[in-house]
Amino acid sequence: MAGKIKVEFLEEVLQFLDSVDVKAQKKILLNIDKFTHTRDKELFKKLSADIWEFRRLYNKKQYRLFAFWDKRKTNITVVVATHGIIKKNAKNSEEGNSESYRANEKIF
């Protein structure tokens, strides 16, 4: 099995996490930590060719952090989380995807 995954957060993600309630924040971070050790495909899902998401349902709300794989580094596996949203339903948002694409292009 490949090594542990490192997850990096852009400033927008840190602001998002600060804006949600503490219990939701802990659950989101717990899912991310679990993923870094297990690579559980239920915790990190592919949305499009380059965009992925961490998803956590808590208190009838979907908390989503959009991300992409940073393939520039060969010695470590890195996922970059770009921003987060709260949804009341499970449908995917084109707006969320386009924001991740812009962040991806800015970094690379």
PDB file of N, CA and C in Angstrom:
ATOM      1  N   MET A   1       0.848  -1.193   0.000  1.00  0.00           N
ATOM      2  CA  MET A   1       0.000   0.000   0.000  1.00  0.00           C
ATOM      3  C   MET A   1       0.884   1.242   0.000  1.00  0.00           C
ATOM      4  N   ALA A   2       0.488   2.279  -0.724  1.00  0.00           N
ATOM      5  CA  ALA A   2       1.246   3.521  -0.799  1.00  0.00           C
ATOM      6  C   ALA A   2       1.285   4.210   0.560  1.00  0.00           C
ATOM      7  N   GLY A   3       2.203   5.167   0.685  1.00  0.00           N
ATOM      8  CA  GLY A   3       2.379   5.869   1.948  1.00  0.00           C
ATOM      9  C   GLY A   3       1.200   6.753   2.306  1.00  0.00           C
ATOM     10  N   LYS A   4       1.325   7.373   3.444  1.00  0.00           N
ATOM     11  CA  LYS A   4       0.291   8.263   3.955  1.00  0.00           C
ATOM     12  C   LYS A   4       0.101   9.463   3.030  1.00  0.00           C
ATOM     13  N   ILE A   5      -1.089   9.957   3.008  1.00  0.00           N
ATOM     14  CA  ILE A   5      -1.436  11.124   2.200  1.00  0.00           C
ATOM     15  C   ILE A   5      -1.362  12.373   3.073  1.00  0.00           C
ATOM     16  N   LYS A   6      -0.847  13.437   2.498  1.00  0.00           N
ATOM     17  CA  LYS A   6      -0.825  14.733   3.177  1.00  0.00           C
ATOM     18  C   LYS A   6      -1.917  15.600   2.554  1.00  0.00           C
ATOM     19  N   VAL A   7      -2.735  16.245   3.396  1.00  0.00           N
ATOM     20  CA  VAL A   7      -3.776  17.142   2.907  1.00  0.00           C
ATOM     21  C   VAL A   7      -3.382  18.569   3.280  1.00  0.00           C
ATOM     22  N   GLU A   8      -3.317  19.430   2.282  1.00  0.00           N
ATOM     23  CA  GLU A   8      -3.004  20.845   2.493  1.00  0.00           C
ATOM     24  C   GLU A   8      -4.276  21.650   2.272  1.00  0.00           C
ATOM     25  N   PHE A   9      -4.456  22.698   3.066  1.00  0.00           N
ATOM     26  CA  PHE A   9      -5.649  23.537   2.989  1.00  0.00           C
ATOM     27  C   PHE A   9      -5.289  24.923   2.472  1.00  0.00           C
ATOM     28  N   LEU A  10      -6.019  25.387   1.452  1.00  0.00           N
ATOM     29  CA  LEU A  10      -5.896  26.778   1.042  1.00  0.00           C
ATOM     30  C   LEU A  10      -6.603  27.654   2.074  1.00  0.00           C
ATOM     31  N   GLU A  11      -6.322  28.928   2.059  1.00  0.00           N
ATOM     32  CA  GLU A  11      -6.891  29.865   3.039  1.00  0.00           C
ATOM     33  C   GLU A  11      -8.418  29.810   3.055  1.00  0.00           C
ATOM     34  N   GLU A  12      -9.039  29.625   1.886  1.00  0.00           N
ATOM     35  CA  GLU A  12     -10.499  29.568   1.808  1.00  0.00           C
ATOM     36  C   GLU A  12     -11.065  28.420   2.642  1.00  0.00           C
ATOM     37  N   VAL A  13     -10.360  27.308   2.696  1.00  0.00           N
ATOM     38  CA  VAL A  13     -10.807  26.163   3.492  1.00  0.00           C
ATOM     39  C   VAL A  13     -10.708  26.494   4.982  1.00  0.00           C
ATOM     40  N   LEU A  14      -9.618  27.119   5.380  1.00  0.00           N
ATOM     41  CA  LEU A  14      -9.464  27.494   6.790  1.00  0.00           C
ATOM     42  C   LEU A  14     -10.562  28.464   7.221  1.00  0.00           C
ATOM     43  N   GLN A  15     -10.896  29.405   6.361  1.00  0.00           N
ATOM     44  CA  GLN A  15     -11.984  30.341   6.658  1.00  0.00           C
ATOM     45  C   GLN A  15     -13.312  29.607   6.747  1.00  0.00           C
ATOM     46  N   PHE A  16     -13.539  28.672   5.840  1.00  0.00           N
ATOM     47  CA  PHE A  16     -14.770  27.886   5.862  1.00  0.00           C
ATOM     48  C   PHE A  16     -14.871  27.099   7.161  1.00  0.00           C
ATOM     49  N   LEU A  17     -13.812  26.406   7.541  1.00  0.00           N
ATOM     50  CA  LEU A  17     -13.833  25.606   8.769  1.00  0.00           C
ATOM     51  C   LEU A  17     -14.073  26.483   9.993  1.00  0.00           C
ATOM     52  N   ASP A  18     -13.503  27.682  10.006  1.00  0.00           N
ATOM     53  CA  ASP A  18     -13.746  28.609  11.118  1.00  0.00           C
ATOM     54  C   ASP A  18     -15.205  29.062  11.182  1.00  0.00           C
ATOM     55  N   SER A  19     -15.892  29.013  10.036  1.00  0.00           N
ATOM     56  CA  SER A  19     -17.269  29.517   9.981  1.00  0.00           C
ATOM     57  C   SER A  19     -18.315  28.484  10.402  1.00  0.00           C
ATOM     58  N   VAL A  20     -17.933  27.194  10.430  1.00  0.00           N
ATOM     59  CA  VAL A  20     -18.911  26.162  10.786  1.00  0.00           C
ATOM     60  C   VAL A  20     -18.838  25.864  12.281  1.00  0.00           C
ATOM     61  N   ASP A  21     -19.886  25.251  12.799  1.00  0.00           N
ATOM     62  CA  ASP A  21     -19.903  24.962  14.234  1.00  0.00           C
ATOM     63  C   ASP A  21     -18.808  23.956  14.598  1.00  0.00           C
ATOM     64  N   VAL A  22     -18.347  24.025  15.827  1.00  0.00           N
ATOM     65  CA  VAL A  22     -17.189  23.257  16.281  1.00  0.00           C
ATOM     66  C   VAL A  22     -17.385  21.752  16.112  1.00  0.00           C
ATOM     67  N   LYS A  23     -18.580  21.254  16.401  1.00  0.00           N
ATOM     68  CA  LYS A  23     -18.826  19.809  16.252  1.00  0.00           C
ATOM     69  C   LYS A  23     -18.722  19.387  14.790  1.00  0.00           C
ATOM     70  N   ALA A  24     -19.275  20.174  13.889  1.00  0.00           N
ATOM     71  CA  ALA A  24     -19.187  19.864  12.458  1.00  0.00           C
ATOM     72  C   ALA A  24     -17.728  19.927  12.008  1.00  0.00           C
ATOM     73  N   GLN A  25     -17.012  20.931  12.469  1.00  0.00           N
ATOM     74  CA  GLN A  25     -15.599  21.091  12.133  1.00  0.00           C
ATOM     75  C   GLN A  25     -14.796  19.856  12.550  1.00  0.00           C
ATOM     76  N   LYS A  26     -15.045  19.371  13.758  1.00  0.00           N
ATOM     77  CA  LYS A  26     -14.330  18.185  14.252  1.00  0.00           C
ATOM     78  C   LYS A  26     -14.645  16.959  13.406  1.00  0.00           C
ATOM     79  N   LYS A  27     -15.901  16.806  13.010  1.00  0.00           N
ATOM     80  CA  LYS A  27     -16.296  15.642  12.208  1.00  0.00           C
ATOM     81  C   LYS A  27     -15.660  15.703  10.816  1.00  0.00           C
ATOM     82  N   ILE A  28     -15.608  16.881  10.230  1.00  0.00           N
ATOM     83  CA  ILE A  28     -14.984  17.051   8.916  1.00  0.00           C
ATOM     84  C   ILE A  28     -13.499  16.675   8.996  1.00  0.00           C
ATOM     85  N   LEU A  29     -12.823  17.225   9.998  1.00  0.00           N
ATOM     86  CA  LEU A  29     -11.391  16.963  10.148  1.00  0.00           C
ATOM     87  C   LEU A  29     -11.109  15.502  10.491  1.00  0.00           C
ATOM     88  N   LEU A  30     -12.002  14.889  11.235  1.00  0.00           N
ATOM     89  CA  LEU A  30     -11.856  13.469  11.553  1.00  0.00           C
ATOM     90  C   LEU A  30     -11.931  12.619  10.276  1.00  0.00           C
ATOM     91  N   ASN A  31     -12.871  12.946   9.391  1.00  0.00           N
ATOM     92  CA  ASN A  31     -12.983  12.232   8.114  1.00  0.00           C
ATOM     93  C   ASN A  31     -11.701  12.386   7.287  1.00  0.00           C
ATOM     94  N   ILE A  32     -11.174  13.600   7.242  1.00  0.00           N
ATOM     95  CA  ILE A  32      -9.962  13.847   6.462  1.00  0.00           C
ATOM     96  C   ILE A  32      -8.793  13.064   7.043  1.00  0.00           C
ATOM     97  N   ASP A  33      -8.667  13.080   8.354  1.00  0.00           N
ATOM     98  CA  ASP A  33      -7.592  12.334   9.007  1.00  0.00           C
ATOM     99  C   ASP A  33      -7.725  10.837   8.732  1.00  0.00           C
ATOM    100  N   LYS A  34      -8.933  10.338   8.818  1.00  0.00           N
ATOM    101  CA  LYS A  34      -9.169   8.918   8.546  1.00  0.00           C
ATOM    102  C   LYS A  34      -8.776   8.571   7.110  1.00  0.00           C
ATOM    103  N   PHE A  35      -9.131   9.443   6.175  1.00  0.00           N
ATOM    104  CA  PHE A  35      -8.783   9.216   4.777  1.00  0.00           C
ATOM    105  C   PHE A  35      -7.267   9.166   4.569  1.00  0.00           C
ATOM    106  N   THR A  36      -6.522  10.034   5.247  1.00  0.00           N
ATOM    107  CA  THR A  36      -5.070  10.063   5.056  1.00  0.00           C
ATOM    108  C   THR A  36      -4.410   8.752   5.461  1.00  0.00           C
ATOM    109  N   HIS A  37      -5.055   8.009   6.341  1.00  0.00           N
ATOM    110  CA  HIS A  37      -4.503   6.729   6.783  1.00  0.00           C
ATOM    111  C   HIS A  37      -5.070   5.530   6.023  1.00  0.00           C
ATOM    112  N   THR A  38      -6.312   5.629   5.568  1.00  0.00           N
ATOM    113  CA  THR A  38      -6.989   4.460   4.996  1.00  0.00           C
ATOM    114  C   THR A  38      -7.244   4.546   3.492  1.00  0.00           C
ATOM    115  N   ARG A  39      -7.249   5.768   2.943  1.00  0.00           N
ATOM    116  CA  ARG A  39      -7.620   6.000   1.538  1.00  0.00           C
ATOM    117  C   ARG A  39      -9.024   5.479   1.229  1.00  0.00           C
ATOM    118  N   ASP A  40      -9.909   5.587   2.202  1.00  0.00           N
ATOM    119  CA  ASP A  40     -11.293   5.124   2.070  1.00  0.00           C
ATOM    120  C   ASP A  40     -11.997   5.918   0.967  1.00  0.00           C
ATOM    121  N   LYS A  41     -12.468   5.227  -0.054  1.00  0.00           N
ATOM    122  CA  LYS A  41     -13.101   5.876  -1.204  1.00  0.00           C
ATOM    123  C   LYS A  41     -14.461   6.472  -0.877  1.00  0.00           C
ATOM    124  N   GLU A  42     -15.031   6.101   0.255  1.00  0.00           N
ATOM    125  CA  GLU A  42     -16.302   6.710   0.682  1.00  0.00           C
ATOM    126  C   GLU A  42     -16.074   8.095   1.289  1.00  0.00           C
ATOM    127  N   LEU A  43     -14.867   8.370   1.711  1.00  0.00           N
ATOM    128  CA  LEU A  43     -14.560   9.655   2.349  1.00  0.00           C
ATOM    129  C   LEU A  43     -14.068  10.699   1.350  1.00  0.00           C
ATOM    130  N   PHE A  44     -13.534  10.259   0.223  1.00  0.00           N
ATOM    131  CA  PHE A  44     -12.963  11.162  -0.778  1.00  0.00           C
ATOM    132  C   PHE A  44     -13.410  10.670  -2.139  1.00  0.00           C
ATOM    133  N   LYS A  45     -14.350  11.403  -2.751  1.00  0.00           N
ATOM    134  CA  LYS A  45     -14.979  10.936  -3.987  1.00  0.00           C
ATOM    135  C   LYS A  45     -14.604  11.815  -5.173  1.00  0.00           C
ATOM    136  N   LYS A  46     -14.480  11.159  -6.315  1.00  0.00           N
ATOM    137  CA  LYS A  46     -14.165  11.846  -7.564  1.00  0.00           C
ATOM    138  C   LYS A  46     -15.422  12.479  -8.137  1.00  0.00           C
ATOM    139  N   LEU A  47     -15.336  13.765  -8.481  1.00  0.00           N
ATOM    140  CA  LEU A  47     -16.467  14.473  -9.072  1.00  0.00           C
ATOM    141  C   LEU A  47     -16.293  14.650 -10.575  1.00  0.00           C
ATOM    142  N   SER A  48     -15.055  14.883 -10.996  1.00  0.00           N
ATOM    143  CA  SER A  48     -14.751  15.056 -12.414  1.00  0.00           C
ATOM    144  C   SER A  48     -13.312  14.597 -12.633  1.00  0.00           C
ATOM    145  N   ALA A  49     -12.767  14.875 -13.798  1.00  0.00           N
ATOM    146  CA  ALA A  49     -11.420  14.407 -14.116  1.00  0.00           C
ATOM    147  C   ALA A  49     -10.386  14.852 -13.080  1.00  0.00           C
ATOM    148  N   ASP A  50     -10.506  16.081 -12.594  1.00  0.00           N
ATOM    149  CA  ASP A  50      -9.506  16.620 -11.675  1.00  0.00           C
ATOM    150  C   ASP A  50     -10.030  16.989 -10.294  1.00  0.00           C
ATOM    151  N   ILE A  51     -11.331  17.084 -10.138  1.00  0.00           N
ATOM    152  CA  ILE A  51     -11.910  17.576  -8.886  1.00  0.00           C
ATOM    153  C   ILE A  51     -12.460  16.427  -8.055  1.00  0.00           C
ATOM    154  N   TRP A  52     -12.130  16.451  -6.769  1.00  0.00           N
ATOM    155  CA  TRP A  52     -12.569  15.461  -5.795  1.00  0.00           C
ATOM    156  C   TRP A  52     -13.216  16.201  -4.637  1.00  0.00           C
ATOM    157  N   GLU A  53     -13.866  15.456  -3.737  1.00  0.00           N
ATOM    158  CA  GLU A  53     -14.445  16.113  -2.574  1.00  0.00           C
ATOM    159  C   GLU A  53     -14.405  15.217  -1.340  1.00  0.00           C
ATOM    160  N   PHE A  54     -14.183  15.881  -0.210  1.00  0.00           N
ATOM    161  CA  PHE A  54     -14.418  15.272   1.087  1.00  0.00           C
ATOM    162  C   PHE A  54     -15.849  15.636   1.444  1.00  0.00           C
ATOM    163  N   ARG A  55     -16.635  14.667   1.840  1.00  0.00           N
ATOM    164  CA  ARG A  55     -18.045  14.926   2.147  1.00  0.00           C
ATOM    165  C   ARG A  55     -18.358  14.391   3.533  1.00  0.00           C
ATOM    166  N   ARG A  56     -19.073  15.196   4.324  1.00  0.00           N
ATOM    167  CA  ARG A  56     -19.485  14.767   5.661  1.00  0.00           C
ATOM    168  C   ARG A  56     -20.915  15.222   5.903  1.00  0.00           C
ATOM    169  N   LEU A  57     -21.795  14.275   6.230  1.00  0.00           N
ATOM    170  CA  LEU A  57     -23.167  14.596   6.603  1.00  0.00           C
ATOM    171  C   LEU A  57     -23.215  14.733   8.120  1.00  0.00           C
ATOM    172  N   TYR A  58     -23.706  15.875   8.575  1.00  0.00           N
ATOM    173  CA  TYR A  58     -23.827  16.101  10.010  1.00  0.00           C
ATOM    174  C   TYR A  58     -25.008  17.046  10.246  1.00  0.00           C
ATOM    175  N   ASN A  59     -25.891  16.652  11.127  1.00  0.00           N
ATOM    176  CA  ASN A  59     -27.022  17.497  11.509  1.00  0.00           C
ATOM    177  C   ASN A  59     -27.856  17.915  10.288  1.00  0.00           C
ATOM    178  N   LYS A  60     -28.102  16.953   9.384  1.00  0.00           N
ATOM    179  CA  LYS A  60     -28.926  17.137   8.185  1.00  0.00           C
ATOM    180  C   LYS A  60     -28.322  18.104   7.163  1.00  0.00           C
ATOM    181  N   LYS A  61     -27.024  18.347   7.247  1.00  0.00           N
ATOM    182  CA  LYS A  61     -26.336  19.213   6.283  1.00  0.00           C
ATOM    183  C   LYS A  61     -25.149  18.460   5.706  1.00  0.00           C
ATOM    184  N   GLN A  62     -24.913  18.676   4.416  1.00  0.00           N
ATOM    185  CA  GLN A  62     -23.749  18.110   3.743  1.00  0.00           C
ATOM    186  C   GLN A  62     -22.631  19.148   3.777  1.00  0.00           C
ATOM    187  N   TYR A  63     -21.545  18.813   4.421  1.00  0.00           N
ATOM    188  CA  TYR A  63     -20.363  19.672   4.440  1.00  0.00           C
ATOM    189  C   TYR A  63     -19.413  19.111   3.394  1.00  0.00           C
ATOM    190  N   ARG A  64     -18.983  19.956   2.480  1.00  0.00           N
ATOM    191  CA  ARG A  64     -18.136  19.488   1.384  1.00  0.00           C
ATOM    192  C   ARG A  64     -16.899  20.356   1.264  1.00  0.00           C
ATOM    193  N   LEU A  65     -15.774  19.688   1.137  1.00  0.00           N
ATOM    194  CA  LEU A  65     -14.510  20.363   0.841  1.00  0.00           C
ATOM    195  C   LEU A  65     -14.043  19.848  -0.515  1.00  0.00           C
ATOM    196  N   PHE A  66     -13.888  20.752  -1.452  1.00  0.00           N
ATOM    197  CA  PHE A  66     -13.438  20.384  -2.778  1.00  0.00           C
ATOM    198  C   PHE A  66     -11.913  20.370  -2.810  1.00  0.00           C
ATOM    199  N   ALA A  67     -11.355  19.473  -3.620  1.00  0.00           N
ATOM    200  CA  ALA A  67      -9.910  19.296  -3.622  1.00  0.00           C
ATOM    201  C   ALA A  67      -9.432  18.704  -4.940  1.00  0.00           C
ATOM    202  N   PHE A  68      -8.111  18.664  -5.080  1.00  0.00           N
ATOM    203  CA  PHE A  68      -7.491  17.995  -6.214  1.00  0.00           C
ATOM    204  C   PHE A  68      -6.170  17.396  -5.758  1.00  0.00           C
ATOM    205  N   TRP A  69      -5.667  16.428  -6.532  1.00  0.00           N
ATOM    206  CA  TRP A  69      -4.381  15.794  -6.252  1.00  0.00           C
ATOM    207  C   TRP A  69      -3.275  16.698  -6.785  1.00  0.00           C
ATOM    208  N   ASP A  70      -2.255  16.950  -5.983  1.00  0.00           N
ATOM    209  CA  ASP A  70      -1.071  17.687  -6.425  1.00  0.00           C
ATOM    210  C   ASP A  70      -0.073  16.655  -6.932  1.00  0.00           C
ATOM    211  N   LYS A  71       0.062  16.574  -8.235  1.00  0.00           N
ATOM    212  CA  LYS A  71       0.890  15.541  -8.848  1.00  0.00           C
ATOM    213  C   LYS A  71       2.314  16.009  -9.126  1.00  0.00           C
ATOM    214  N   ARG A  72       2.671  17.205  -8.633  1.00  0.00           N
ATOM    215  CA  ARG A  72       4.023  17.718  -8.877  1.00  0.00           C
ATOM    216  C   ARG A  72       5.069  16.996  -8.046  1.00  0.00           C
ATOM    217  N   LYS A  73       4.695  16.516  -6.889  1.00  0.00           N
ATOM    218  CA  LYS A  73       5.647  15.878  -5.983  1.00  0.00           C
ATOM    219  C   LYS A  73       5.600  14.364  -6.179  1.00  0.00           C
ATOM    220  N   THR A  74       6.748  13.750  -6.320  1.00  0.00           N
ATOM    221  CA  THR A  74       6.786  12.312  -6.540  1.00  0.00           C
ATOM    222  C   THR A  74       7.100  11.535  -5.269  1.00  0.00           C
ATOM    223  N   ASN A  75       7.653  12.209  -4.264  1.00  0.00           N
ATOM    224  CA  ASN A  75       8.049  11.502  -3.047  1.00  0.00           C
ATOM    225  C   ASN A  75       6.962  11.468  -1.977  1.00  0.00           C
ATOM    226  N   ILE A  76       5.884  12.210  -2.173  1.00  0.00           N
ATOM    227  CA  ILE A  76       4.791  12.238  -1.193  1.00  0.00           C
ATOM    228  C   ILE A  76       3.472  12.476  -1.934  1.00  0.00           C
ATOM    229  N   THR A  77       2.410  11.900  -1.441  1.00  0.00           N
ATOM    230  CA  THR A  77       1.091  12.077  -2.040  1.00  0.00           C
ATOM    231  C   THR A  77       0.404  13.248  -1.345  1.00  0.00           C
ATOM    232  N   VAL A  78       0.024  14.264  -2.128  1.00  0.00           N
ATOM    233  CA  VAL A  78      -0.570  15.480  -1.562  1.00  0.00           C
ATOM    234  C   VAL A  78      -1.935  15.734  -2.198  1.00  0.00           C
ATOM    235  N   VAL A  79      -2.903  16.063  -1.350  1.00  0.00           N
ATOM    236  CA  VAL A  79      -4.217  16.510  -1.792  1.00  0.00           C
ATOM    237  C   VAL A  79      -4.353  17.959  -1.335  1.00  0.00           C
ATOM    238  N   VAL A  80      -4.786  18.848  -2.231  1.00  0.00           N
ATOM    239  CA  VAL A  80      -4.973  20.255  -1.894  1.00  0.00           C
ATOM    240  C   VAL A  80      -6.466  20.547  -1.834  1.00  0.00           C
ATOM    241  N   ALA A  81      -6.950  20.904  -0.645  1.00  0.00           N
ATOM    242  CA  ALA A  81      -8.357  21.286  -0.471  1.00  0.00           C
ATOM    243  C   ALA A  81      -8.479  22.772  -0.788  1.00  0.00           C
ATOM    244  N   THR A  82      -9.425  23.120  -1.651  1.00  0.00           N
ATOM    245  CA  THR A  82      -9.511  24.487  -2.174  1.00  0.00           C
ATOM    246  C   THR A  82     -10.552  25.361  -1.485  1.00  0.00           C
ATOM    247  N   HIS A  83     -11.685  24.789  -1.144  1.00  0.00           N
ATOM    248  CA  HIS A  83     -12.756  25.570  -0.514  1.00  0.00           C
ATOM    249  C   HIS A  83     -13.837  24.614  -0.017  1.00  0.00           C
ATOM    250  N   GLY A  84     -14.758  25.130   0.781  1.00  0.00           N
ATOM    251  CA  GLY A  84     -15.837  24.310   1.313  1.00  0.00           C
ATOM    252  C   GLY A  84     -17.186  24.968   1.140  1.00  0.00           C
ATOM    253  N   ILE A  85     -18.220  24.137   1.142  1.00  0.00           N
ATOM    254  CA  ILE A  85     -19.599  24.626   1.083  1.00  0.00           C
ATOM    255  C   ILE A  85     -20.464  23.766   2.002  1.00  0.00           C
ATOM    256  N   ILE A  86     -21.616  24.307   2.344  1.00  0.00           N
ATOM    257  CA  ILE A  86     -22.631  23.562   3.087  1.00  0.00           C
ATOM    258  C   ILE A  86     -23.826  23.429   2.161  1.00  0.00           C
ATOM    259  N   LYS A  87     -24.313  22.197   2.017  1.00  0.00           N
ATOM    260  CA  LYS A  87     -25.483  21.952   1.180  1.00  0.00           C
ATOM    261  C   LYS A  87     -26.559  21.289   2.008  1.00  0.00           C
ATOM    262  N   LYS A  88     -27.782  21.579   1.665  1.00  0.00           N
ATOM    263  CA  LYS A  88     -28.897  20.940   2.356  1.00  0.00           C
ATOM    264  C   LYS A  88     -29.386  19.711   1.619  1.00  0.00           C
ATOM    265  N   ASN A  89     -28.902  19.504   0.380  1.00  0.00           N
ATOM    266  CA  ASN A  89     -29.246  18.286  -0.355  1.00  0.00           C
ATOM    267  C   ASN A  89     -27.972  17.655  -0.892  1.00  0.00           C
ATOM    268  N   ALA A  90     -28.088  16.489  -1.454  1.00  0.00           N
ATOM    269  CA  ALA A  90     -26.910  15.730  -1.864  1.00  0.00           C
ATOM    270  C   ALA A  90     -26.476  15.984  -3.305  1.00  0.00           C
ATOM    271  N   LYS A  91     -27.213  16.796  -4.056  1.00  0.00           N
ATOM    272  CA  LYS A  91     -26.846  17.035  -5.445  1.00  0.00           C
ATOM    273  C   LYS A  91     -25.556  17.833  -5.534  1.00  0.00           C
ATOM    274  N   ASN A  92     -24.804  17.555  -6.593  1.00  0.00           N
ATOM    275  CA  ASN A  92     -23.526  18.216  -6.801  1.00  0.00           C
ATOM    276  C   ASN A  92     -23.734  19.615  -7.379  1.00  0.00           C
ATOM    277  N   SER A  93     -22.809  20.510  -7.114  1.00  0.00           N
ATOM    278  CA  SER A  93     -22.894  21.886  -7.537  1.00  0.00           C
ATOM    279  C   SER A  93     -21.840  22.201  -8.586  1.00  0.00           C
ATOM    280  N   GLU A  94     -22.261  22.725  -9.730  1.00  0.00           N
ATOM    281  CA  GLU A  94     -21.311  23.161 -10.754  1.00  0.00           C
ATOM    282  C   GLU A  94     -20.469  24.316 -10.243  1.00  0.00           C
ATOM    283  N   GLU A  95     -21.062  25.171  -9.409  1.00  0.00           N
ATOM    284  CA  GLU A  95     -20.336  26.304  -8.850  1.00  0.00           C
ATOM    285  C   GLU A  95     -19.150  25.830  -8.022  1.00  0.00           C
ATOM    286  N   GLY A  96     -19.352  24.802  -7.233  1.00  0.00           N
ATOM    287  CA  GLY A  96     -18.270  24.245  -6.425  1.00  0.00           C
ATOM    288  C   GLY A  96     -17.154  23.699  -7.286  1.00  0.00           C
ATOM    289  N   ASN A  97     -17.515  23.018  -8.358  1.00  0.00           N
ATOM    290  CA  ASN A  97     -16.504  22.468  -9.258  1.00  0.00           C
ATOM    291  C   ASN A  97     -15.702  23.570  -9.938  1.00  0.00           C
ATOM    292  N   SER A  98     -16.364  24.614 -10.430  1.00  0.00           N
ATOM    293  CA  SER A  98     -15.654  25.656 -11.159  1.00  0.00           C
ATOM    294  C   SER A  98     -14.689  26.409 -10.253  1.00  0.00           C
ATOM    295  N   GLU A  99     -15.042  26.590  -8.995  1.00  0.00           N
ATOM    296  CA  GLU A  99     -14.138  27.246  -8.059  1.00  0.00           C
ATOM    297  C   GLU A  99     -12.883  26.401  -7.849  1.00  0.00           C
ATOM    298  N   SER A 100     -13.027  25.093  -7.797  1.00  0.00           N
ATOM    299  CA  SER A 100     -11.877  24.194  -7.656  1.00  0.00           C
ATOM    300  C   SER A 100     -10.998  24.240  -8.901  1.00  0.00           C
ATOM    301  N   TYR A 101     -11.598  24.292 -10.086  1.00  0.00           N
ATOM    302  CA  TYR A 101     -10.811  24.386 -11.306  1.00  0.00           C
ATOM    303  C   TYR A 101      -9.990  25.662 -11.313  1.00  0.00           C
ATOM    304  N   ARG A 102     -10.580  26.791 -10.884  1.00  0.00           N
ATOM    305  CA  ARG A 102      -9.839  28.058 -10.853  1.00  0.00           C
ATOM    306  C   ARG A 102      -8.663  27.964  -9.890  1.00  0.00           C
ATOM    307  N   ALA A 103      -8.863  27.371  -8.726  1.00  0.00           N
ATOM    308  CA  ALA A 103      -7.776  27.230  -7.759  1.00  0.00           C
ATOM    309  C   ALA A 103      -6.687  26.326  -8.315  1.00  0.00           C
ATOM    310  N   ASN A 104      -7.067  25.253  -8.982  1.00  0.00           N
ATOM    311  CA  ASN A 104      -6.122  24.327  -9.578  1.00  0.00           C
ATOM    312  C   ASN A 104      -5.257  25.053 -10.610  1.00  0.00           C
ATOM    313  N   GLU A 105      -5.879  25.847 -11.474  1.00  0.00           N
ATOM    314  CA  GLU A 105      -5.152  26.574 -12.505  1.00  0.00           C
ATOM    315  C   GLU A 105      -4.233  27.618 -11.905  1.00  0.00           C
ATOM    316  N   LYS A 106      -4.662  28.269 -10.818  1.00  0.00           N
ATOM    317  CA  LYS A 106      -3.834  29.300 -10.179  1.00  0.00           C
ATOM    318  C   LYS A 106      -2.569  28.677  -9.580  1.00  0.00           C
ATOM    319  N   ILE A 107      -2.691  27.492  -8.985  1.00  0.00           N
ATOM    320  CA  ILE A 107      -1.555  26.844  -8.351  1.00  0.00           C
ATOM    321  C   ILE A 107      -0.586  26.291  -9.387  1.00  0.00           C
ATOM    322  N   PHE A 108      -1.122  25.726 -10.469  1.00  0.00           N
ATOM    323  CA  PHE A 108      -0.265  25.122 -11.484  1.00  0.00           C
ATOM    324  C   PHE A 108      -0.080  26.056 -12.642  1.00  0.00           C
TER     325      PHE A 108
END
